[in-house]
Amino acid sequence: MKKIIFILVSFCMMGVSFGQTSKPVVAKKPIPVTTAIVFKNSKDSASYALGFRVAQSMKGQGLQDIVMSLFEKGFSAGVIAKSAIPDSLLDVCIKKYQDNMSAEKIAMNHAIGAEFLAKNAKKPGVVSMSNGMQYEVLVAGTGTVKPTLSNTVKCHYHGTLIDGSIFDSSVQRGEPISFPLNGVIKGWQDAVQLMTVGSKWKLFIPANLAYGDRSAGPFIGPGSTLIFEVELLGIQ
């Protein structure tokens, strides 16, 4: 949560820079890779590496679903600086497609999350709150004092997506954390205020009470429903 839960990570396009040498440096031996491609010299390996990095950058921006034949034509046109699309519209085209892909991803994640929560609400022991969040009491605390938003709390937590993928876990790190309760996502605020020290709850948090339609770190996509196991260890 130190790296993911409290910090919203913004993404930007990766820039690629490269230089030229007077002539390619020939490697002593071809460099084999797992795909059986053989590189004869540094120019070959650099060309492959540049292509791979560009693809990684595009994938990180949700732009991997493209028409490769047109991408290759655009790349070739870029080398000679002669585009079929006016330069002033190139970034506009990319942004429009990126926005469309993002909207589709958000809608899909919302639908998947709603379906999950609808089924989860029918499970024994799961309590549905009026704000749309759900929780399950795994361990009931013996204390009577509950934290407020003005308190700093000490917790252990384990966060996953609804497919079980772990995106952050103080349990795995073996180190609980302390944080102001008013500084975390709304789902945590609403749930932890109902807990007493010693309690361990499983929280099922819809996107609107988590990060909404934004991404958070490399694992939490926009519109994602999140699951946390939270143990309240102390109140300050």
C-alpha atoms as a PDB file:
ATOM      1  CA  MET A   1       0.000   0.000   0.000  1.00  0.00           C
ATOM      2  CA  LYS A   2       3.014   2.261   0.472  1.00  0.00           C
ATOM      3  CA  LYS A   3       3.672   2.036  -3.259  1.00  0.00           C
ATOM      4  CA  ILE A   4       0.215   1.392  -4.718  1.00  0.00           C
ATOM      5  CA  ILE A   5      -2.700   2.119  -2.374  1.00  0.00           C
ATOM      6  CA  PHE A   6      -1.784   5.685  -1.439  1.00  0.00           C
ATOM      7  CA  ILE A   7       0.027   6.803  -4.517  1.00  0.00           C
ATOM      8  CA  LEU A   8      -1.723   7.269  -7.848  1.00  0.00           C
ATOM      9  CA  VAL A   9       0.720   6.643 -10.578  1.00  0.00           C
ATOM     10  CA  SER A  10       0.387   8.660 -13.801  1.00  0.00           C
ATOM     11  CA  PHE A  11       1.578   7.253 -17.079  1.00  0.00           C
ATOM     12  CA  CYS A  12       3.352   8.961 -19.962  1.00  0.00           C
ATOM     13  CA  MET A  13       4.548   7.767 -23.351  1.00  0.00           C
ATOM     14  CA  MET A  14       8.120   6.526 -23.419  1.00  0.00           C
ATOM     15  CA  GLY A  15      10.486   8.370 -25.723  1.00  0.00           C
ATOM     16  CA  VAL A  16      13.077   6.459 -27.694  1.00  0.00           C
ATOM     17  CA  SER A  17      16.359   8.029 -28.720  1.00  0.00           C
ATOM     18  CA  PHE A  18      19.147   6.475 -30.689  1.00  0.00           C
ATOM     19  CA  GLY A  19      22.344   7.398 -32.464  1.00  0.00           C
ATOM     20  CA  GLN A  20      24.274   6.239 -35.475  1.00  0.00           C
ATOM     21  CA  THR A  21      27.816   5.044 -35.846  1.00  0.00           C
ATOM     22  CA  SER A  22      29.922   5.288 -38.951  1.00  0.00           C
ATOM     23  CA  LYS A  23      29.607   1.552 -39.519  1.00  0.00           C
ATOM     24  CA  PRO A  24      28.065  -1.358 -37.636  1.00  0.00           C
ATOM     25  CA  VAL A  25      30.237  -3.230 -35.172  1.00  0.00           C
ATOM     26  CA  VAL A  26      30.272  -6.898 -36.056  1.00  0.00           C
ATOM     27  CA  ALA A  27      29.821  -9.238 -33.117  1.00  0.00           C
ATOM     28  CA  LYS A  28      32.276 -12.070 -32.733  1.00  0.00           C
ATOM     29  CA  LYS A  29      29.426 -14.579 -32.630  1.00  0.00           C
ATOM     30  CA  PRO A  30      25.734 -14.400 -33.609  1.00  0.00           C
ATOM     31  CA  ILE A  31      23.473 -13.703 -30.616  1.00  0.00           C
ATOM     32  CA  PRO A  32      20.723 -16.331 -30.441  1.00  0.00           C
ATOM     33  CA  VAL A  33      17.394 -15.658 -28.704  1.00  0.00           C
ATOM     34  CA  THR A  34      14.623 -17.966 -27.569  1.00  0.00           C
ATOM     35  CA  THR A  35      12.561 -17.278 -30.719  1.00  0.00           C
ATOM     36  CA  ALA A  36      15.367 -18.675 -32.926  1.00  0.00           C
ATOM     37  CA  ILE A  37      16.198 -15.236 -34.353  1.00  0.00           C
ATOM     38  CA  VAL A  38      19.914 -14.823 -35.010  1.00  0.00           C
ATOM     39  CA  PHE A  39      21.477 -11.364 -34.931  1.00  0.00           C
ATOM     40  CA  LYS A  40      24.549 -10.946 -37.090  1.00  0.00           C
ATOM     41  CA  ASN A  41      25.684  -7.625 -35.633  1.00  0.00           C
ATOM     42  CA  SER A  42      24.849  -4.805 -33.247  1.00  0.00           C
ATOM     43  CA  LYS A  43      22.606  -3.089 -35.787  1.00  0.00           C
ATOM     44  CA  ASP A  44      20.415  -6.205 -35.978  1.00  0.00           C
ATOM     45  CA  SER A  45      20.126  -6.562 -32.211  1.00  0.00           C
ATOM     46  CA  ALA A  46      19.497  -2.827 -31.704  1.00  0.00           C
ATOM     47  CA  SER A  47      16.761  -2.866 -34.346  1.00  0.00           C
ATOM     48  CA  TYR A  48      15.018  -5.729 -32.586  1.00  0.00           C
ATOM     49  CA  ALA A  49      15.463  -4.103 -29.168  1.00  0.00           C
ATOM     50  CA  LEU A  50      13.981  -0.806 -30.391  1.00  0.00           C
ATOM     51  CA  GLY A  51      10.966  -2.603 -31.838  1.00  0.00           C
ATOM     52  CA  PHE A  52      10.445  -4.480 -28.598  1.00  0.00           C
ATOM     53  CA  ARG A  53      10.658  -1.332 -26.472  1.00  0.00           C
ATOM     54  CA  VAL A  54       8.226   0.550 -28.706  1.00  0.00           C
ATOM     55  CA  ALA A  55       5.774  -2.358 -28.392  1.00  0.00           C
ATOM     56  CA  GLN A  56       6.182  -2.382 -24.600  1.00  0.00           C
ATOM     57  CA  SER A  57       5.468   1.341 -24.462  1.00  0.00           C
ATOM     58  CA  MET A  58       2.388   0.960 -26.640  1.00  0.00           C
ATOM     59  CA  LYS A  59       1.107  -1.931 -24.542  1.00  0.00           C
ATOM     60  CA  GLY A  60       1.547   0.141 -21.390  1.00  0.00           C
ATOM     61  CA  GLN A  61      -0.675   2.787 -22.948  1.00  0.00           C
ATOM     62  CA  GLY A  62      -3.354   0.285 -23.979  1.00  0.00           C
ATOM     63  CA  LEU A  63      -2.445   0.636 -27.655  1.00  0.00           C
ATOM     64  CA  GLN A  64      -1.417  -2.939 -28.404  1.00  0.00           C
ATOM     65  CA  ASP A  65      -4.534  -3.742 -30.453  1.00  0.00           C
ATOM     66  CA  ILE A  66      -3.446  -2.077 -33.670  1.00  0.00           C
ATOM     67  CA  VAL A  67      -3.346  -2.851 -37.397  1.00  0.00           C
ATOM     68  CA  MET A  68       0.259  -3.967 -37.836  1.00  0.00           C
ATOM     69  CA  SER A  69       0.338  -3.425 -41.611  1.00  0.00           C
ATOM     70  CA  LEU A  70      -0.592   0.243 -41.149  1.00  0.00           C
ATOM     71  CA  PHE A  71       1.728   0.603 -38.165  1.00  0.00           C
ATOM     72  CA  GLU A  72       4.615  -0.587 -40.341  1.00  0.00           C
ATOM     73  CA  LYS A  73       3.646   1.888 -43.078  1.00  0.00           C
ATOM     74  CA  GLY A  74       3.452   4.702 -40.536  1.00  0.00           C
ATOM     75  CA  PHE A  75       6.829   3.725 -39.099  1.00  0.00           C
ATOM     76  CA  SER A  76       8.403   3.686 -42.532  1.00  0.00           C
ATOM     77  CA  ALA A  77       6.835   7.072 -43.335  1.00  0.00           C
ATOM     78  CA  GLY A  78       8.204   8.434 -40.062  1.00  0.00           C
ATOM     79  CA  VAL A  79      11.726   7.458 -41.059  1.00  0.00           C
ATOM     80  CA  ILE A  80      11.498   9.620 -44.182  1.00  0.00           C
ATOM     81  CA  ALA A  81       9.304  12.232 -42.429  1.00  0.00           C
ATOM     82  CA  LYS A  82       6.485  11.980 -44.959  1.00  0.00           C
ATOM     83  CA  SER A  83       3.099  11.204 -43.355  1.00  0.00           C
ATOM     84  CA  ALA A  84      -0.249  10.491 -45.006  1.00  0.00           C
ATOM     85  CA  ILE A  85      -1.849  12.224 -41.996  1.00  0.00           C
ATOM     86  CA  PRO A  86      -1.026  15.895 -41.307  1.00  0.00           C
ATOM     87  CA  ASP A  87       1.524  16.232 -38.524  1.00  0.00           C
ATOM     88  CA  SER A  88      -0.880  18.381 -36.497  1.00  0.00           C
ATOM     89  CA  LEU A  89      -3.375  15.503 -36.369  1.00  0.00           C
ATOM     90  CA  LEU A  90      -1.041  12.613 -35.551  1.00  0.00           C
ATOM     91  CA  ASP A  91      -1.262  13.017 -31.774  1.00  0.00           C
ATOM     92  CA  VAL A  92      -4.993  13.687 -32.048  1.00  0.00           C
ATOM     93  CA  CYS A  93      -5.493  10.325 -33.761  1.00  0.00           C
ATOM     94  CA  ILE A  94      -3.480   8.522 -31.108  1.00  0.00           C
ATOM     95  CA  LYS A  95      -5.285  10.269 -28.244  1.00  0.00           C
ATOM     96  CA  LYS A  96      -8.734   9.529 -29.689  1.00  0.00           C
ATOM     97  CA  TYR A  97      -7.951   5.843 -30.069  1.00  0.00           C
ATOM     98  CA  GLN A  98      -6.395   5.712 -26.608  1.00  0.00           C
ATOM     99  CA  ASP A  99      -9.515   7.302 -25.113  1.00  0.00           C
ATOM    100  CA  ASN A 100     -11.747   4.795 -26.921  1.00  0.00           C
ATOM    101  CA  MET A 101      -9.662   1.864 -25.683  1.00  0.00           C
ATOM    102  CA  SER A 102      -9.715   3.256 -22.141  1.00  0.00           C
ATOM    103  CA  ALA A 103     -13.503   3.704 -22.207  1.00  0.00           C
ATOM    104  CA  GLU A 104     -13.946   0.108 -23.374  1.00  0.00           C
ATOM    105  CA  LYS A 105     -11.645  -1.145 -20.621  1.00  0.00           C
ATOM    106  CA  ILE A 106     -13.476   0.876 -17.956  1.00  0.00           C
ATOM    107  CA  ALA A 107     -16.881  -0.373 -19.122  1.00  0.00           C
ATOM    108  CA  MET A 108     -15.648  -3.966 -19.137  1.00  0.00           C
ATOM    109  CA  ASN A 109     -14.154  -3.700 -15.635  1.00  0.00           C
ATOM    110  CA  HIS A 110     -17.339  -2.126 -14.287  1.00  0.00           C
ATOM    111  CA  ALA A 111     -19.432  -4.935 -15.765  1.00  0.00           C
ATOM    112  CA  ILE A 112     -17.126  -7.639 -14.423  1.00  0.00           C
ATOM    113  CA  GLY A 113     -17.090  -6.003 -10.988  1.00  0.00           C
ATOM    114  CA  ALA A 114     -20.885  -5.631 -10.845  1.00  0.00           C
ATOM    115  CA  GLU A 115     -21.374  -9.281 -11.794  1.00  0.00           C
ATOM    116  CA  PHE A 116     -18.852 -10.382  -9.168  1.00  0.00           C
ATOM    117  CA  LEU A 117     -20.437  -8.315  -6.394  1.00  0.00           C
ATOM    118  CA  ALA A 118     -23.939  -9.537  -7.281  1.00  0.00           C
ATOM    119  CA  LYS A 119     -22.848 -13.148  -6.905  1.00  0.00           C
ATOM    120  CA  ASN A 120     -20.682 -12.451  -3.877  1.00  0.00           C
ATOM    121  CA  ALA A 121     -23.571 -10.804  -2.011  1.00  0.00           C
ATOM    122  CA  LYS A 122     -25.382 -14.157  -1.952  1.00  0.00           C
ATOM    123  CA  LYS A 123     -22.564 -15.956  -0.138  1.00  0.00           C
ATOM    124  CA  PRO A 124     -23.047 -16.825   3.572  1.00  0.00           C
ATOM    125  CA  GLY A 125     -21.389 -14.328   5.906  1.00  0.00           C
ATOM    126  CA  VAL A 126     -21.099 -11.527   3.355  1.00  0.00           C
ATOM    127  CA  VAL A 127     -22.670  -8.249   4.477  1.00  0.00           C
ATOM    128  CA  SER A 128     -23.714  -5.648   1.894  1.00  0.00           C
ATOM    129  CA  MET A 129     -23.458  -1.992   2.913  1.00  0.00           C
ATOM    130  CA  SER A 130     -25.695   0.789   1.646  1.00  0.00           C
ATOM    131  CA  ASN A 131     -22.799   2.341  -0.302  1.00  0.00           C
ATOM    132  CA  GLY A 132     -22.381  -0.793  -2.406  1.00  0.00           C
ATOM    133  CA  MET A 133     -19.385  -2.209  -0.567  1.00  0.00           C
ATOM    134  CA  GLN A 134     -19.428  -5.678   0.983  1.00  0.00           C
ATOM    135  CA  TYR A 135     -17.506  -7.212   3.851  1.00  0.00           C
ATOM    136  CA  GLU A 136     -17.051 -10.512   5.615  1.00  0.00           C
ATOM    137  CA  VAL A 137     -15.918 -10.770   9.240  1.00  0.00           C
ATOM    138  CA  LEU A 138     -13.053 -13.251   9.404  1.00  0.00           C
ATOM    139  CA  VAL A 139     -12.060 -12.500  13.007  1.00  0.00           C
ATOM    140  CA  ALA A 140     -14.162 -10.482  15.456  1.00  0.00           C
ATOM    141  CA  GLY A 141     -12.107  -8.110  17.602  1.00  0.00           C
ATOM    142  CA  THR A 142     -12.556  -8.089  21.369  1.00  0.00           C
ATOM    143  CA  GLY A 143     -12.145  -4.336  21.785  1.00  0.00           C
ATOM    144  CA  THR A 144     -14.892  -1.730  21.907  1.00  0.00           C
ATOM    145  CA  VAL A 145     -13.149   1.369  20.536  1.00  0.00           C
ATOM    146  CA  LYS A 146     -13.513   2.097  16.832  1.00  0.00           C
ATOM    147  CA  PRO A 147     -11.305   4.513  14.885  1.00  0.00           C
ATOM    148  CA  THR A 148     -12.509   7.751  13.322  1.00  0.00           C
ATOM    149  CA  LEU A 149     -11.205   9.574  10.278  1.00  0.00           C
ATOM    150  CA  SER A 150      -9.024  11.716  12.526  1.00  0.00           C
ATOM    151  CA  ASN A 151      -7.125   8.676  13.807  1.00  0.00           C
ATOM    152  CA  THR A 152      -3.979   7.013  12.562  1.00  0.00           C
ATOM    153  CA  VAL A 153      -4.438   3.251  12.383  1.00  0.00           C
ATOM    154  CA  LYS A 154      -2.028   0.329  12.234  1.00  0.00           C
ATOM    155  CA  CYS A 155      -3.047  -2.469   9.881  1.00  0.00           C
ATOM    156  CA  HIS A 156      -1.987  -5.605   8.104  1.00  0.00           C
ATOM    157  CA  TYR A 157      -3.595  -6.063   4.686  1.00  0.00           C
ATOM    158  CA  HIS A 158      -3.563  -8.236   1.600  1.00  0.00           C
ATOM    159  CA  GLY A 159      -4.956  -6.751  -1.624  1.00  0.00           C
ATOM    160  CA  THR A 160      -6.077  -8.651  -4.713  1.00  0.00           C
ATOM    161  CA  LEU A 161      -8.111  -8.157  -7.857  1.00  0.00           C
ATOM    162  CA  ILE A 162     -11.254 -10.243  -8.256  1.00  0.00           C
ATOM    163  CA  ASP A 163      -9.286 -12.760 -10.339  1.00  0.00           C
ATOM    164  CA  GLY A 164      -7.029 -13.380  -7.349  1.00  0.00           C
ATOM    165  CA  SER A 165      -4.028 -11.423  -8.637  1.00  0.00           C
ATOM    166  CA  ILE A 166      -2.112  -9.826  -5.754  1.00  0.00           C
ATOM    167  CA  PHE A 167      -1.309  -6.131  -6.270  1.00  0.00           C
ATOM    168  CA  ASP A 168      -0.044  -5.252  -2.782  1.00  0.00           C
ATOM    169  CA  SER A 169       0.353  -6.987   0.574  1.00  0.00           C
ATOM    170  CA  SER A 170       1.889  -5.958   3.873  1.00  0.00           C
ATOM    171  CA  VAL A 171       1.401  -9.594   4.904  1.00  0.00           C
ATOM    172  CA  GLN A 172       3.793 -10.745   2.191  1.00  0.00           C
ATOM    173  CA  ARG A 173       6.293  -8.086   3.230  1.00  0.00           C
ATOM    174  CA  GLY A 174       5.923  -9.140   6.854  1.00  0.00           C
ATOM    175  CA  GLU A 175       5.532  -5.544   8.013  1.00  0.00           C
ATOM    176  CA  PRO A 176       2.258  -3.844   9.045  1.00  0.00           C
ATOM    177  CA  ILE A 177       1.853  -0.142   8.291  1.00  0.00           C
ATOM    178  CA  SER A 178       0.416   2.883  10.053  1.00  0.00           C
ATOM    179  CA  PHE A 179      -1.432   5.629   8.176  1.00  0.00           C
ATOM    180  CA  PRO A 180      -4.006   8.400   8.689  1.00  0.00           C
ATOM    181  CA  LEU A 181      -7.403   6.858   8.020  1.00  0.00           C
ATOM    182  CA  ASN A 182      -8.543   9.946   6.115  1.00  0.00           C
ATOM    183  CA  GLY A 183      -5.708   9.436   3.628  1.00  0.00           C
ATOM    184  CA  VAL A 184      -6.840   6.167   2.043  1.00  0.00           C
ATOM    185  CA  ILE A 185      -9.532   5.121  -0.417  1.00  0.00           C
ATOM    186  CA  LYS A 186     -13.168   5.651   0.584  1.00  0.00           C
ATOM    187  CA  GLY A 187     -13.875   1.939   0.911  1.00  0.00           C
ATOM    188  CA  TRP A 188     -11.192   1.593   3.556  1.00  0.00           C
ATOM    189  CA  GLN A 189     -12.420   4.670   5.403  1.00  0.00           C
ATOM    190  CA  ASP A 190     -15.991   3.378   5.596  1.00  0.00           C
ATOM    191  CA  ALA A 191     -15.067  -0.149   6.632  1.00  0.00           C
ATOM    192  CA  VAL A 192     -12.243   0.427   9.102  1.00  0.00           C
ATOM    193  CA  GLN A 193     -14.395   2.866  11.104  1.00  0.00           C
ATOM    194  CA  LEU A 194     -16.675  -0.108  11.849  1.00  0.00           C
ATOM    195  CA  MET A 195     -13.856  -2.327  13.084  1.00  0.00           C
ATOM    196  CA  THR A 196     -12.337  -2.726  16.529  1.00  0.00           C
ATOM    197  CA  VAL A 197      -8.732  -3.625  17.336  1.00  0.00           C
ATOM    198  CA  GLY A 198      -8.127  -7.300  16.690  1.00  0.00           C
ATOM    199  CA  SER A 199     -10.741  -7.479  13.932  1.00  0.00           C
ATOM    200  CA  LYS A 200      -9.921  -8.987  10.573  1.00  0.00           C
ATOM    201  CA  TRP A 201     -12.363  -8.337   7.747  1.00  0.00           C
ATOM    202  CA  LYS A 202     -12.462  -9.141   4.073  1.00  0.00           C
ATOM    203  CA  LEU A 203     -13.541  -6.101   2.069  1.00  0.00           C
ATOM    204  CA  PHE A 204     -15.069  -6.162  -1.399  1.00  0.00           C
ATOM    205  CA  ILE A 205     -14.763  -2.611  -2.717  1.00  0.00           C
ATOM    206  CA  PRO A 206     -16.441  -1.400  -5.945  1.00  0.00           C
ATOM    207  CA  ALA A 207     -14.501   0.955  -8.176  1.00  0.00           C
ATOM    208  CA  ASN A 208     -16.371   4.095  -7.096  1.00  0.00           C
ATOM    209  CA  LEU A 209     -15.103   3.553  -3.535  1.00  0.00           C
ATOM    210  CA  ALA A 210     -11.584   2.666  -4.676  1.00  0.00           C
ATOM    211  CA  TYR A 211      -9.827   4.418  -7.564  1.00  0.00           C
ATOM    212  CA  GLY A 212     -12.821   5.047  -9.778  1.00  0.00           C
ATOM    213  CA  ASP A 213     -12.035   5.146 -13.485  1.00  0.00           C
ATOM    214  CA  ARG A 214      -8.322   5.713 -12.927  1.00  0.00           C
ATOM    215  CA  SER A 215      -5.490   3.218 -12.946  1.00  0.00           C
ATOM    216  CA  ALA A 216      -3.359   2.828  -9.828  1.00  0.00           C
ATOM    217  CA  GLY A 217       0.060   1.380 -10.358  1.00  0.00           C
ATOM    218  CA  PRO A 218       0.845  -1.325 -12.901  1.00  0.00           C
ATOM    219  CA  PHE A 219      -1.772  -3.820 -11.705  1.00  0.00           C
ATOM    220  CA  ILE A 220      -4.981  -1.936 -10.856  1.00  0.00           C
ATOM    221  CA  GLY A 221      -6.810  -1.008 -14.035  1.00  0.00           C
ATOM    222  CA  PRO A 222      -9.460   1.716 -14.358  1.00  0.00           C
ATOM    223  CA  GLY A 223     -12.864   0.744 -13.001  1.00  0.00           C
ATOM    224  CA  SER A 224     -11.497  -2.181 -10.986  1.00  0.00           C
ATOM    225  CA  THR A 225     -13.272  -3.804  -8.041  1.00  0.00           C
ATOM    226  CA  LEU A 226     -10.772  -4.558  -5.277  1.00  0.00           C
ATOM    227  CA  ILE A 227     -10.603  -7.137  -2.491  1.00  0.00           C
ATOM    228  CA  PHE A 228      -8.709  -6.626   0.766  1.00  0.00           C
ATOM    229  CA  GLU A 229      -8.168  -8.694   3.860  1.00  0.00           C
ATOM    230  CA  VAL A 230      -7.629  -6.074   6.560  1.00  0.00           C
ATOM    231  CA  GLU A 231      -6.559  -6.658  10.162  1.00  0.00           C
ATOM    232  CA  LEU A 232      -6.809  -3.687  12.529  1.00  0.00           C
ATOM    233  CA  LEU A 233      -3.842  -3.879  14.890  1.00  0.00           C
ATOM    234  CA  GLY A 234      -3.993  -0.537  16.638  1.00  0.00           C
ATOM    235  CA  ILE A 235      -5.479   2.962  16.860  1.00  0.00           C
ATOM    236  CA  GLN A 236      -3.430   6.075  17.585  1.00  0.00           C
END
